[in-house]
PDB file of N, CA and C in Angstrom:
ATOM      1  N   MET A   1       5.774 100.363 -39.688  1.00  0.00           N
ATOM      2  CA  MET A   1       6.375  99.890 -40.924  1.00  0.00           C
ATOM      3  C   MET A   1       7.817 100.369 -41.089  1.00  0.00           C
ATOM      4  N   ARG A   2       8.273 101.182 -40.212  1.00  0.00           N
ATOM      5  CA  ARG A   2       9.646 101.687 -40.272  1.00  0.00           C
ATOM      6  C   ARG A   2      10.668 100.547 -40.215  1.00  0.00           C
ATOM      7  N   TYR A   3      10.385  99.527 -39.420  1.00  0.00           N
ATOM      8  CA  TYR A   3      11.279  98.385 -39.277  1.00  0.00           C
ATOM      9  C   TYR A   3      11.494  97.679 -40.623  1.00  0.00           C
ATOM     10  N   GLU A   4      10.421  97.444 -41.356  1.00  0.00           N
ATOM     11  CA  GLU A   4      10.539  96.777 -42.646  1.00  0.00           C
ATOM     12  C   GLU A   4      11.333  97.600 -43.646  1.00  0.00           C
ATOM     13  N   MET A   5      11.191  98.913 -43.577  1.00  0.00           N
ATOM     14  CA  MET A   5      11.974  99.775 -44.463  1.00  0.00           C
ATOM     15  C   MET A   5      13.464  99.605 -44.195  1.00  0.00           C
ATOM     16  N   GLN A   6      13.828  99.575 -42.924  1.00  0.00           N
ATOM     17  CA  GLN A   6      15.233  99.419 -42.561  1.00  0.00           C
ATOM     18  C   GLN A   6      15.765  98.054 -42.996  1.00  0.00           C
ATOM     19  N   ILE A   7      14.970  97.022 -42.775  1.00  0.00           N
ATOM     20  CA  ILE A   7      15.382  95.676 -43.191  1.00  0.00           C
ATOM     21  C   ILE A   7      15.498  95.613 -44.712  1.00  0.00           C
ATOM     22  N   GLY A   8      14.576  96.240 -45.429  1.00  0.00           N
ATOM     23  CA  GLY A   8      14.631  96.268 -46.893  1.00  0.00           C
ATOM     24  C   GLY A   8      15.893  96.943 -47.396  1.00  0.00           C
ATOM     25  N   ARG A   9      16.223  98.084 -46.806  1.00  0.00           N
ATOM     26  CA  ARG A   9      17.460  98.773 -47.198  1.00  0.00           C
ATOM     27  C   ARG A   9      18.688  97.936 -46.838  1.00  0.00           C
ATOM     28  N   MET A  10      18.663  97.336 -45.652  1.00  0.00           N
ATOM     29  CA  MET A  10      19.789  96.523 -45.215  1.00  0.00           C
ATOM     30  C   MET A  10      19.972  95.308 -46.126  1.00  0.00           C
ATOM     31  N   LEU A  11      18.870  94.696 -46.527  1.00  0.00           N
ATOM     32  CA  LEU A  11      18.947  93.566 -47.450  1.00  0.00           C
ATOM     33  C   LEU A  11      19.538  94.008 -48.784  1.00  0.00           C
ATOM     34  N   GLY A  12      19.076  95.147 -49.295  1.00  0.00           N
ATOM     35  CA  GLY A  12      19.626  95.661 -50.546  1.00  0.00           C
ATOM     36  C   GLY A  12      21.118  95.932 -50.456  1.00  0.00           C
ATOM     37  N   GLU A  13      21.552  96.505 -49.363  1.00  0.00           N
ATOM     38  CA  GLU A  13      22.977  96.795 -49.168  1.00  0.00           C
ATOM     39  C   GLU A  13      23.785  95.511 -49.068  1.00  0.00           C
ATOM     40  N   ASN A  14      23.260  94.505 -48.380  1.00  0.00           N
ATOM     41  CA  ASN A  14      23.978  93.240 -48.238  1.00  0.00           C
ATOM     42  C   ASN A  14      24.026  92.460 -49.541  1.00  0.00           C
ATOM     43  N   ILE A  15      22.985  92.553 -50.346  1.00  0.00           N
ATOM     44  CA  ILE A  15      23.018  91.926 -51.674  1.00  0.00           C
ATOM     45  C   ILE A  15      24.115  92.576 -52.510  1.00  0.00           C
ATOM     46  N   ASP A  16      24.161  93.898 -52.471  1.00  0.00           N
ATOM     47  CA  ASP A  16      25.185  94.633 -53.210  1.00  0.00           C
ATOM     48  C   ASP A  16      26.584  94.258 -52.723  1.00  0.00           C
ATOM     49  N   ASP A  17      26.768  94.140 -51.419  1.00  0.00           N
ATOM     50  CA  ASP A  17      28.066  93.736 -50.866  1.00  0.00           C
ATOM     51  C   ASP A  17      28.443  92.318 -51.295  1.00  0.00           C
ATOM     52  N   PHE A  18      27.463  91.422 -51.341  1.00  0.00           N
ATOM     53  CA  PHE A  18      27.719  90.052 -51.784  1.00  0.00           C
ATOM     54  C   PHE A  18      28.166  90.030 -53.242  1.00  0.00           C
ATOM     55  N   ILE A  19      27.488  90.801 -54.072  1.00  0.00           N
ATOM     56  CA  ILE A  19      27.868  90.885 -55.489  1.00  0.00           C
ATOM     57  C   ILE A  19      29.293  91.397 -55.630  1.00  0.00           C
ATOM     58  N   ASN A  20      29.605  92.464 -54.925  1.00  0.00           N
ATOM     59  CA  ASN A  20      30.952  93.032 -54.982  1.00  0.00           C
ATOM     60  C   ASN A  20      32.004  92.056 -54.468  1.00  0.00           C
ATOM     61  N   PHE A  21      31.671  91.301 -53.422  1.00  0.00           N
ATOM     62  CA  PHE A  21      32.589  90.309 -52.871  1.00  0.00           C
ATOM     63  C   PHE A  21      32.920  89.234 -53.900  1.00  0.00           C
ATOM     64  N   VAL A  22      31.890  88.724 -54.569  1.00  0.00           N
ATOM     65  CA  VAL A  22      32.107  87.677 -55.573  1.00  0.00           C
ATOM     66  C   VAL A  22      32.910  88.221 -56.747  1.00  0.00           C
ATOM     67  N   HIS A  23      32.546  89.393 -57.243  1.00  0.00           N
ATOM     68  CA  HIS A  23      33.263  89.976 -58.383  1.00  0.00           C
ATOM     69  C   HIS A  23      34.715  90.282 -58.026  1.00  0.00           C
ATOM     70  N   LYS A  24      34.929  90.829 -56.854  1.00  0.00           N
ATOM     71  CA  LYS A  24      36.284  91.193 -56.423  1.00  0.00           C
ATOM     72  C   LYS A  24      37.160  89.945 -56.295  1.00  0.00           C
ATOM     73  N   ASN A  25      36.615  88.887 -55.707  1.00  0.00           N
ATOM     74  CA  ASN A  25      37.394  87.657 -55.563  1.00  0.00           C
ATOM     75  C   ASN A  25      37.659  86.989 -56.899  1.00  0.00           C
ATOM     76  N   TYR A  26      36.726  87.098 -57.820  1.00  0.00           N
ATOM     77  CA  TYR A  26      36.943  86.489 -59.135  1.00  0.00           C
ATOM     78  C   TYR A  26      37.982  87.280 -59.933  1.00  0.00           C
ATOM     79  N   GLU A  27      37.947  88.591 -59.851  1.00  0.00           N
ATOM     80  CA  GLU A  27      38.864  89.419 -60.624  1.00  0.00           C
ATOM     81  C   GLU A  27      40.283  89.400 -60.065  1.00  0.00           C
ATOM     82  N   ASN A  28      40.457  89.258 -58.766  1.00  0.00           N
ATOM     83  CA  ASN A  28      41.785  89.204 -58.151  1.00  0.00           C
ATOM     84  C   ASN A  28      42.259  87.760 -58.080  1.00  0.00           C
ATOM     85  N   ARG A  29      42.553  87.219 -59.208  1.00  0.00           N
ATOM     86  CA  ARG A  29      42.907  85.804 -59.304  1.00  0.00           C
ATOM     87  C   ARG A  29      44.180  85.459 -58.541  1.00  0.00           C
ATOM     88  N   ASN A  30      45.098  86.392 -58.441  1.00  0.00           N
ATOM     89  CA  ASN A  30      46.362  86.117 -57.766  1.00  0.00           C
ATOM     90  C   ASN A  30      46.243  86.174 -56.251  1.00  0.00           C
ATOM     91  N   LYS A  31      45.242  86.856 -55.736  1.00  0.00           N
ATOM     92  CA  LYS A  31      45.130  87.065 -54.300  1.00  0.00           C
ATOM     93  C   LYS A  31      43.912  86.385 -53.693  1.00  0.00           C
ATOM     94  N   ASN A  32      43.393  85.360 -54.310  1.00  0.00           N
ATOM     95  CA  ASN A  32      42.183  84.753 -53.762  1.00  0.00           C
ATOM     96  C   ASN A  32      42.483  83.400 -53.129  1.00  0.00           C
ATOM     97  N   TYR A  33      41.493  82.881 -52.432  1.00  0.00           N
ATOM     98  CA  TYR A  33      41.620  81.632 -51.700  1.00  0.00           C
ATOM     99  C   TYR A  33      40.872  80.495 -52.381  1.00  0.00           C
ATOM    100  N   TYR A  34      40.527  80.667 -53.620  1.00  0.00           N
ATOM    101  CA  TYR A  34      39.746  79.675 -54.342  1.00  0.00           C
ATOM    102  C   TYR A  34      40.655  78.887 -55.273  1.00  0.00           C
ATOM    103  N   GLU A  35      40.611  77.571 -55.147  1.00  0.00           N
ATOM    104  CA  GLU A  35      41.398  76.727 -56.039  1.00  0.00           C
ATOM    105  C   GLU A  35      40.755  76.640 -57.419  1.00  0.00           C
ATOM    106  N   ASN A  36      39.451  76.509 -57.425  1.00  0.00           N
ATOM    107  CA  ASN A  36      38.726  76.322 -58.671  1.00  0.00           C
ATOM    108  C   ASN A  36      37.899  77.585 -58.962  1.00  0.00           C
ATOM    109  N   LEU A  37      38.441  78.463 -59.766  1.00  0.00           N
ATOM    110  CA  LEU A  37      37.747  79.716 -60.082  1.00  0.00           C
ATOM    111  C   LEU A  37      36.524  79.502 -60.961  1.00  0.00           C
ATOM    112  N   ASP A  38      36.424  78.351 -61.615  1.00  0.00           N
ATOM    113  CA  ASP A  38      35.246  78.076 -62.433  1.00  0.00           C
ATOM    114  C   ASP A  38      33.984  78.017 -61.584  1.00  0.00           C
ATOM    115  N   LYS A  39      34.104  77.508 -60.376  1.00  0.00           N
ATOM    116  CA  LYS A  39      32.938  77.424 -59.503  1.00  0.00           C
ATOM    117  C   LYS A  39      32.527  78.805 -59.010  1.00  0.00           C
ATOM    118  N   LEU A  40      33.504  79.654 -58.743  1.00  0.00           N
ATOM    119  CA  LEU A  40      33.190  81.028 -58.362  1.00  0.00           C
ATOM    120  C   LEU A  40      32.580  81.774 -59.549  1.00  0.00           C
ATOM    121  N   TYR A  41      33.056  81.473 -60.747  1.00  0.00           N
ATOM    122  CA  TYR A  41      32.490  82.074 -61.954  1.00  0.00           C
ATOM    123  C   TYR A  41      31.031  81.648 -62.132  1.00  0.00           C
ATOM    124  N   GLN A  42      30.728  80.405 -61.782  1.00  0.00           N
ATOM    125  CA  GLN A  42      29.341  79.939 -61.876  1.00  0.00           C
ATOM    126  C   GLN A  42      28.442  80.720 -60.927  1.00  0.00           C
ATOM    127  N   VAL A  43      28.923  81.029 -59.726  1.00  0.00           N
ATOM    128  CA  VAL A  43      28.155  81.852 -58.779  1.00  0.00           C
ATOM    129  C   VAL A  43      27.952  83.240 -59.370  1.00  0.00           C
ATOM    130  N   LYS A  44      28.995  83.771 -59.994  1.00  0.00           N
ATOM    131  CA  LYS A  44      28.895  85.084 -60.635  1.00  0.00           C
ATOM    132  C   LYS A  44      27.826  85.075 -61.738  1.00  0.00           C
ATOM    133  N   LEU A  45      27.777  84.009 -62.515  1.00  0.00           N
ATOM    134  CA  LEU A  45      26.763  83.888 -63.569  1.00  0.00           C
ATOM    135  C   LEU A  45      25.353  83.776 -62.983  1.00  0.00           C
ATOM    136  N   LEU A  46      25.214  83.049 -61.888  1.00  0.00           N
ATOM    137  CA  LEU A  46      23.903  82.936 -61.241  1.00  0.00           C
ATOM    138  C   LEU A  46      23.446  84.282 -60.694  1.00  0.00           C
ATOM    139  N   ILE A  47      24.369  85.056 -60.171  1.00  0.00           N
ATOM    140  CA  ILE A  47      24.042  86.396 -59.683  1.00  0.00           C
ATOM    141  C   ILE A  47      23.510  87.253 -60.826  1.00  0.00           C
ATOM    142  N   GLU A  48      24.151  87.157 -61.971  1.00  0.00           N
ATOM    143  CA  GLU A  48      23.706  87.930 -63.133  1.00  0.00           C
ATOM    144  C   GLU A  48      22.385  87.393 -63.685  1.00  0.00           C
ATOM    145  N   GLU A  49      22.219  86.082 -63.682  1.00  0.00           N
ATOM    146  CA  GLU A  49      20.992  85.485 -64.207  1.00  0.00           C
ATOM    147  C   GLU A  49      19.771  85.908 -63.395  1.00  0.00           C
ATOM    148  N   TYR A  50      19.913  85.931 -62.080  1.00  0.00           N
ATOM    149  CA  TYR A  50      18.796  86.306 -61.220  1.00  0.00           C
ATOM    150  C   TYR A  50      18.721  87.814 -60.960  1.00  0.00           C
ATOM    151  N   LYS A  51      19.566  88.572 -61.629  1.00  0.00           N
ATOM    152  CA  LYS A  51      19.517  90.044 -61.586  1.00  0.00           C
ATOM    153  C   LYS A  51      19.572  90.586 -60.154  1.00  0.00           C
ATOM    154  N   PHE A  52      20.551  90.108 -59.393  1.00  0.00           N
ATOM    155  CA  PHE A  52      20.696  90.547 -58.004  1.00  0.00           C
ATOM    156  C   PHE A  52      21.012  92.033 -57.906  1.00  0.00           C
ATOM    157  N   LYS A  53      21.782  92.562 -58.837  1.00  0.00           N
ATOM    158  CA  LYS A  53      22.145  93.984 -58.784  1.00  0.00           C
ATOM    159  C   LYS A  53      20.900  94.857 -58.919  1.00  0.00           C
ATOM    160  N   LEU A  54      20.045  94.516 -59.844  1.00  0.00           N
ATOM    161  CA  LEU A  54      18.800  95.259 -60.031  1.00  0.00           C
ATOM    162  C   LEU A  54      17.918  95.155 -58.787  1.00  0.00           C
ATOM    163  N   THR A  55      17.829  93.976 -58.218  1.00  0.00           N
ATOM    164  CA  THR A  55      17.038  93.773 -57.009  1.00  0.00           C
ATOM    165  C   THR A  55      17.581  94.597 -55.857  1.00  0.00           C
ATOM    166  N   ALA A  56      18.897  94.590 -55.688  1.00  0.00           N
ATOM    167  CA  ALA A  56      19.512  95.369 -54.607  1.00  0.00           C
ATOM    168  C   ALA A  56      19.241  96.856 -54.772  1.00  0.00           C
ATOM    169  N   ASN A  57      19.413  97.356 -55.975  1.00  0.00           N
ATOM    170  CA  ASN A  57      19.177  98.783 -56.220  1.00  0.00           C
ATOM    171  C   ASN A  57      17.722  99.157 -55.986  1.00  0.00           C
ATOM    172  N   GLU A  58      16.810  98.305 -56.425  1.00  0.00           N
ATOM    173  CA  GLU A  58      15.387  98.590 -56.243  1.00  0.00           C
ATOM    174  C   GLU A  58      14.986  98.532 -54.767  1.00  0.00           C
ATOM    175  N   LEU A  59      15.515  97.562 -54.030  1.00  0.00           N
ATOM    176  CA  LEU A  59      15.204  97.480 -52.601  1.00  0.00           C
ATOM    177  C   LEU A  59      15.677  98.726 -51.861  1.00  0.00           C
ATOM    178  N   MET A  60      16.864  99.195 -52.200  1.00  0.00           N
ATOM    179  CA  MET A  60      17.373 100.405 -51.546  1.00  0.00           C
ATOM    180  C   MET A  60      16.568 101.633 -51.953  1.00  0.00           C
ATOM    181  N   ARG A  61      16.166 101.683 -53.217  1.00  0.00           N
ATOM    182  CA  ARG A  61      15.438 102.846 -53.710  1.00  0.00           C
ATOM    183  C   ARG A  61      14.029 102.927 -53.120  1.00  0.00           C
ATOM    184  N   ILE A  62      13.281 101.840 -53.178  1.00  0.00           N
ATOM    185  CA  ILE A  62      11.873 101.919 -52.757  1.00  0.00           C
ATOM    186  C   ILE A  62      11.712 101.997 -51.249  1.00  0.00           C
ATOM    187  N   ASN A  63      12.730 101.607 -50.495  1.00  0.00           N
ATOM    188  CA  ASN A  63      12.630 101.654 -49.041  1.00  0.00           C
ATOM    189  C   ASN A  63      13.395 102.827 -48.444  1.00  0.00           C
ATOM    190  N   ARG A  64      13.729 103.778 -49.273  1.00  0.00           N
ATOM    191  CA  ARG A  64      14.476 104.935 -48.783  1.00  0.00           C
ATOM    192  C   ARG A  64      13.581 105.884 -47.998  1.00  0.00           C
ATOM    193  N   TYR A  65      12.430 106.237 -48.529  1.00  0.00           N
ATOM    194  CA  TYR A  65      11.582 107.246 -47.899  1.00  0.00           C
ATOM    195  C   TYR A  65      10.221 106.720 -47.460  1.00  0.00           C
ATOM    196  N   ARG A  66       9.747 105.721 -48.189  1.00  0.00           N
ATOM    197  CA  ARG A  66       8.377 105.259 -47.938  1.00  0.00           C
ATOM    198  C   ARG A  66       8.337 103.746 -48.102  1.00  0.00           C
ATOM    199  N   TRP A  67       7.520 103.092 -47.310  1.00  0.00           N
ATOM    200  CA  TRP A  67       7.390 101.642 -47.346  1.00  0.00           C
ATOM    201  C   TRP A  67       6.424 101.236 -48.447  1.00  0.00           C
ATOM    202  N   ASP A  68       6.928 100.491 -49.426  1.00  0.00           N
ATOM    203  CA  ASP A  68       6.095  99.956 -50.496  1.00  0.00           C
ATOM    204  C   ASP A  68       6.024  98.441 -50.298  1.00  0.00           C
ATOM    205  N   GLU A  69       5.030  98.029 -49.540  1.00  0.00           N
ATOM    206  CA  GLU A  69       4.929  96.646 -49.092  1.00  0.00           C
ATOM    207  C   GLU A  69       4.846  95.652 -50.250  1.00  0.00           C
ATOM    208  N   LYS A  70       3.960  95.906 -51.190  1.00  0.00           N
ATOM    209  CA  LYS A  70       3.713  94.963 -52.278  1.00  0.00           C
ATOM    210  C   LYS A  70       4.969  94.749 -53.135  1.00  0.00           C
ATOM    211  N   TYR A  71       5.611  95.842 -53.528  1.00  0.00           N
ATOM    212  CA  TYR A  71       6.785  95.748 -54.394  1.00  0.00           C
ATOM    213  C   TYR A  71       7.969  95.139 -53.642  1.00  0.00           C
ATOM    214  N   THR A  72       8.099  95.461 -52.355  1.00  0.00           N
ATOM    215  CA  THR A  72       9.189  94.888 -51.564  1.00  0.00           C
ATOM    216  C   THR A  72       9.041  93.380 -51.458  1.00  0.00           C
ATOM    217  N   TYR A  73       7.838  92.894 -51.159  1.00  0.00           N
ATOM    218  CA  TYR A  73       7.614  91.457 -51.061  1.00  0.00           C
ATOM    219  C   TYR A  73       7.851  90.769 -52.403  1.00  0.00           C
ATOM    220  N   LEU A  74       7.487  91.410 -53.488  1.00  0.00           N
ATOM    221  CA  LEU A  74       7.734  90.856 -54.811  1.00  0.00           C
ATOM    222  C   LEU A  74       9.231  90.707 -55.070  1.00  0.00           C
ATOM    223  N   LEU A  75       9.999  91.756 -54.765  1.00  0.00           N
ATOM    224  CA  LEU A  75      11.448  91.709 -54.962  1.00  0.00           C
ATOM    225  C   LEU A  75      12.107  90.664 -54.068  1.00  0.00           C
ATOM    226  N   VAL A  76      11.677  90.591 -52.827  1.00  0.00           N
ATOM    227  CA  VAL A  76      12.264  89.622 -51.896  1.00  0.00           C
ATOM    228  C   VAL A  76      11.959  88.198 -52.338  1.00  0.00           C
ATOM    229  N   ASP A  77      10.761  87.945 -52.827  1.00  0.00           N
ATOM    230  CA  ASP A  77      10.423  86.604 -53.317  1.00  0.00           C
ATOM    231  C   ASP A  77      11.284  86.210 -54.514  1.00  0.00           C
ATOM    232  N   GLU A  78      11.482  87.139 -55.437  1.00  0.00           N
ATOM    233  CA  GLU A  78      12.352  86.863 -56.583  1.00  0.00           C
ATOM    234  C   GLU A  78      13.787  86.626 -56.135  1.00  0.00           C
ATOM    235  N   PHE A  79      14.228  87.411 -55.171  1.00  0.00           N
ATOM    236  CA  PHE A  79      15.582  87.253 -54.660  1.00  0.00           C
ATOM    237  C   PHE A  79      15.767  85.902 -53.972  1.00  0.00           C
ATOM    238  N   LYS A  80      14.770  85.480 -53.202  1.00  0.00           N
ATOM    239  CA  LYS A  80      14.857  84.201 -52.492  1.00  0.00           C
ATOM    240  C   LYS A  80      15.014  83.034 -53.455  1.00  0.00           C
ATOM    241  N   GLU A  81      14.369  83.124 -54.606  1.00  0.00           N
ATOM    242  CA  GLU A  81      14.480  82.067 -55.614  1.00  0.00           C
ATOM    243  C   GLU A  81      15.929  81.920 -56.072  1.00  0.00           C
ATOM    244  N   GLY A  82      16.565  83.030 -56.397  1.00  0.00           N
ATOM    245  CA  GLY A  82      17.966  82.996 -56.809  1.00  0.00           C
ATOM    246  C   GLY A  82      18.889  82.613 -55.668  1.00  0.00           C
ATOM    247  N   LEU A  83      18.591  83.092 -54.477  1.00  0.00           N
ATOM    248  CA  LEU A  83      19.411  82.785 -53.308  1.00  0.00           C
ATOM    249  C   LEU A  83      19.384  81.287 -53.010  1.00  0.00           C
ATOM    250  N   ASN A  84      18.231  80.664 -53.133  1.00  0.00           N
ATOM    251  CA  ASN A  84      18.134  79.218 -52.903  1.00  0.00           C
ATOM    252  C   ASN A  84      18.970  78.438 -53.909  1.00  0.00           C
ATOM    253  N   THR A  85      18.956  78.875 -55.158  1.00  0.00           N
ATOM    254  CA  THR A  85      19.755  78.210 -56.193  1.00  0.00           C
ATOM    255  C   THR A  85      21.244  78.337 -55.885  1.00  0.00           C
ATOM    256  N   ILE A  86      21.679  79.540 -55.538  1.00  0.00           N
ATOM    257  CA  ILE A  86      23.093  79.757 -55.217  1.00  0.00           C
ATOM    258  C   ILE A  86      23.468  78.985 -53.962  1.00  0.00           C
ATOM    259  N   ASN A  87      22.605  78.981 -52.978  1.00  0.00           N
ATOM    260  CA  ASN A  87      22.887  78.271 -51.734  1.00  0.00           C
ATOM    261  C   ASN A  87      23.055  76.771 -51.977  1.00  0.00           C
ATOM    262  N   GLU A  88      22.200  76.185 -52.816  1.00  0.00           N
ATOM    263  CA  GLU A  88      22.331  74.770 -53.152  1.00  0.00           C
ATOM    264  C   GLU A  88      23.646  74.496 -53.872  1.00  0.00           C
ATOM    265  N   TYR A  89      24.021  75.381 -54.782  1.00  0.00           N
ATOM    266  CA  TYR A  89      25.273  75.214 -55.515  1.00  0.00           C
ATOM    267  C   TYR A  89      26.470  75.303 -54.569  1.00  0.00           C
ATOM    268  N   VAL A  90      26.444  76.260 -53.650  1.00  0.00           N
ATOM    269  CA  VAL A  90      27.541  76.406 -52.689  1.00  0.00           C
ATOM    270  C   VAL A  90      27.595  75.193 -51.762  1.00  0.00           C
ATOM    271  N   ASP A  91      26.448  74.677 -51.351  1.00  0.00           N
ATOM    272  CA  ASP A  91      26.421  73.483 -50.503  1.00  0.00           C
ATOM    273  C   ASP A  91      27.036  72.276 -51.216  1.00  0.00           C
ATOM    274  N   ARG A  92      26.726  72.124 -52.495  1.00  0.00           N
ATOM    275  CA  ARG A  92      27.283  71.002 -53.266  1.00  0.00           C
ATOM    276  C   ARG A  92      28.786  71.145 -53.492  1.00  0.00           C
ATOM    277  N   ASN A  93      29.267  72.372 -53.537  1.00  0.00           N
ATOM    278  CA  ASN A  93      30.688  72.642 -53.777  1.00  0.00           C
ATOM    279  C   ASN A  93      31.313  73.345 -52.577  1.00  0.00           C
ATOM    280  N   TYR A  94      30.979  72.861 -51.405  1.00  0.00           N
ATOM    281  CA  TYR A  94      31.379  73.522 -50.164  1.00  0.00           C
ATOM    282  C   TYR A  94      32.900  73.658 -50.035  1.00  0.00           C
ATOM    283  N   ASN A  95      33.653  72.653 -50.430  1.00  0.00           N
ATOM    284  CA  ASN A  95      35.106  72.706 -50.282  1.00  0.00           C
ATOM    285  C   ASN A  95      35.737  73.842 -51.069  1.00  0.00           C
ATOM    286  N   ASP A  96      35.139  74.206 -52.186  1.00  0.00           N
ATOM    287  CA  ASP A  96      35.689  75.284 -53.003  1.00  0.00           C
ATOM    288  C   ASP A  96      35.075  76.640 -52.704  1.00  0.00           C
ATOM    289  N   LEU A  97      33.878  76.670 -52.162  1.00  0.00           N
ATOM    290  CA  LEU A  97      33.153  77.939 -51.991  1.00  0.00           C
ATOM    291  C   LEU A  97      32.761  78.228 -50.542  1.00  0.00           C
ATOM    292  N   PHE A  98      33.470  77.647 -49.591  1.00  0.00           N
ATOM    293  CA  PHE A  98      33.072  77.799 -48.187  1.00  0.00           C
ATOM    294  C   PHE A  98      33.123  79.251 -47.712  1.00  0.00           C
ATOM    295  N   LEU A  99      33.924  80.099 -48.353  1.00  0.00           N
ATOM    296  CA  LEU A  99      34.006  81.503 -47.940  1.00  0.00           C
ATOM    297  C   LEU A  99      32.721  82.277 -48.208  1.00  0.00           C
ATOM    298  N   LEU A 100      31.865  81.757 -49.042  1.00  0.00           N
ATOM    299  CA  LEU A 100      30.604  82.439 -49.344  1.00  0.00           C
ATOM    300  C   LEU A 100      29.500  82.123 -48.341  1.00  0.00           C
ATOM    301  N   THR A 101      29.675  81.094 -47.524  1.00  0.00           N
ATOM    302  CA  THR A 101      28.586  80.636 -46.668  1.00  0.00           C
ATOM    303  C   THR A 101      28.156  81.670 -45.636  1.00  0.00           C
ATOM    304  N   ALA A 102      29.079  82.421 -45.076  1.00  0.00           N
ATOM    305  CA  ALA A 102      28.710  83.419 -44.068  1.00  0.00           C
ATOM    306  C   ALA A 102      27.854  84.522 -44.681  1.00  0.00           C
ATOM    307  N   ARG A 103      28.218  84.973 -45.845  1.00  0.00           N
ATOM    308  CA  ARG A 103      27.436  86.020 -46.509  1.00  0.00           C
ATOM    309  C   ARG A 103      26.071  85.489 -46.948  1.00  0.00           C
ATOM    310  N   LEU A 104      26.031  84.264 -47.394  1.00  0.00           N
ATOM    311  CA  LEU A 104      24.743  83.670 -47.769  1.00  0.00           C
ATOM    312  C   LEU A 104      23.843  83.516 -46.548  1.00  0.00           C
ATOM    313  N   TYR A 105      24.417  83.157 -45.419  1.00  0.00           N
ATOM    314  CA  TYR A 105      23.639  83.031 -44.192  1.00  0.00           C
ATOM    315  C   TYR A 105      23.021  84.374 -43.805  1.00  0.00           C
ATOM    316  N   THR A 106      23.790  85.439 -43.931  1.00  0.00           N
ATOM    317  CA  THR A 106      23.279  86.780 -43.623  1.00  0.00           C
ATOM    318  C   THR A 106      22.133  87.144 -44.557  1.00  0.00           C
ATOM    319  N   LEU A 107      22.293  86.862 -45.843  1.00  0.00           N
ATOM    320  CA  LEU A 107      21.236  87.166 -46.805  1.00  0.00           C
ATOM    321  C   LEU A 107      19.972  86.348 -46.535  1.00  0.00           C
ATOM    322  N   LYS A 108      20.145  85.072 -46.190  1.00  0.00           N
ATOM    323  CA  LYS A 108      18.982  84.234 -45.870  1.00  0.00           C
ATOM    324  C   LYS A 108      18.271  84.760 -44.632  1.00  0.00           C
ATOM    325  N   SER A 109      19.038  85.162 -43.650  1.00  0.00           N
ATOM    326  CA  SER A 109      18.451  85.667 -42.411  1.00  0.00           C
ATOM    327  C   SER A 109      17.658  86.944 -42.648  1.00  0.00           C
ATOM    328  N   LEU A 110      18.238  87.864 -43.394  1.00  0.00           N
ATOM    329  CA  LEU A 110      17.530  89.130 -43.671  1.00  0.00           C
ATOM    330  C   LEU A 110      16.290  88.903 -44.536  1.00  0.00           C
ATOM    331  N   SER A 111      16.394  88.062 -45.542  1.00  0.00           N
ATOM    332  CA  SER A 111      15.257  87.850 -46.430  1.00  0.00           C
ATOM    333  C   SER A 111      14.154  87.040 -45.745  1.00  0.00           C
ATOM    334  N   SER A 112      14.507  86.215 -44.777  1.00  0.00           N
ATOM    335  CA  SER A 112      13.478  85.433 -44.084  1.00  0.00           C
ATOM    336  C   SER A 112      12.652  86.289 -43.124  1.00  0.00           C
ATOM    337  N   SER A 113      13.118  87.486 -42.818  1.00  0.00           N
ATOM    338  CA  SER A 113      12.343  88.366 -41.934  1.00  0.00           C
ATOM    339  C   SER A 113      11.126  88.957 -42.664  1.00  0.00           C
ATOM    340  N   PHE A 114      11.053  88.777 -43.962  1.00  0.00           N
ATOM    341  CA  PHE A 114       9.890  89.245 -44.740  1.00  0.00           C
ATOM    342  C   PHE A 114       8.914  88.094 -44.913  1.00  0.00           C
ATOM    343  N   LYS A 115       7.947  88.050 -44.077  1.00  0.00           N
ATOM    344  CA  LYS A 115       6.884  87.048 -44.163  1.00  0.00           C
ATOM    345  C   LYS A 115       5.679  87.712 -44.805  1.00  0.00           C
ATOM    346  N   VAL A 116       5.077  87.049 -45.744  1.00  0.00           N
ATOM    347  CA  VAL A 116       3.909  87.594 -46.434  1.00  0.00           C
ATOM    348  C   VAL A 116       2.774  87.674 -45.431  1.00  0.00           C
ATOM    349  N   PRO A 117       2.191  88.852 -45.257  1.00  0.00           N
ATOM    350  CA  PRO A 117       1.087  88.990 -44.293  1.00  0.00           C
ATOM    351  C   PRO A 117      -0.164  88.259 -44.785  1.00  0.00           C
ATOM    352  N   LEU A 118      -0.924  87.777 -43.837  1.00  0.00           N
ATOM    353  CA  LEU A 118      -2.155  87.032 -44.189  1.00  0.00           C
ATOM    354  C   LEU A 118      -3.280  87.971 -44.503  1.00  0.00           C
TER     355      LEU A 118
END
């Protein structure tokens, strides 16, 4: 179960990095590559709506010392729901939000490694 703990922590860290990336790009209006900041603001609102920060902190906390399978799968499932919504929004607005696709791909890849055991 050590592998799942590492993936859980890594997912939490990458969620946190994604949140910081979006916030940093939105706040640095003069130095960003986004023409339409309203669309980036919508991603920021979706992050807050799905409570990604809380999920990231909990994933890092519960997978620090001991593997908590049930709670980790619960958090990952909730995260996937929000990630799918953000991914659809970014796909629809690809021309304005293409810089987010690489980070979203990483998050999808890490979260897909958690398959519910039979």
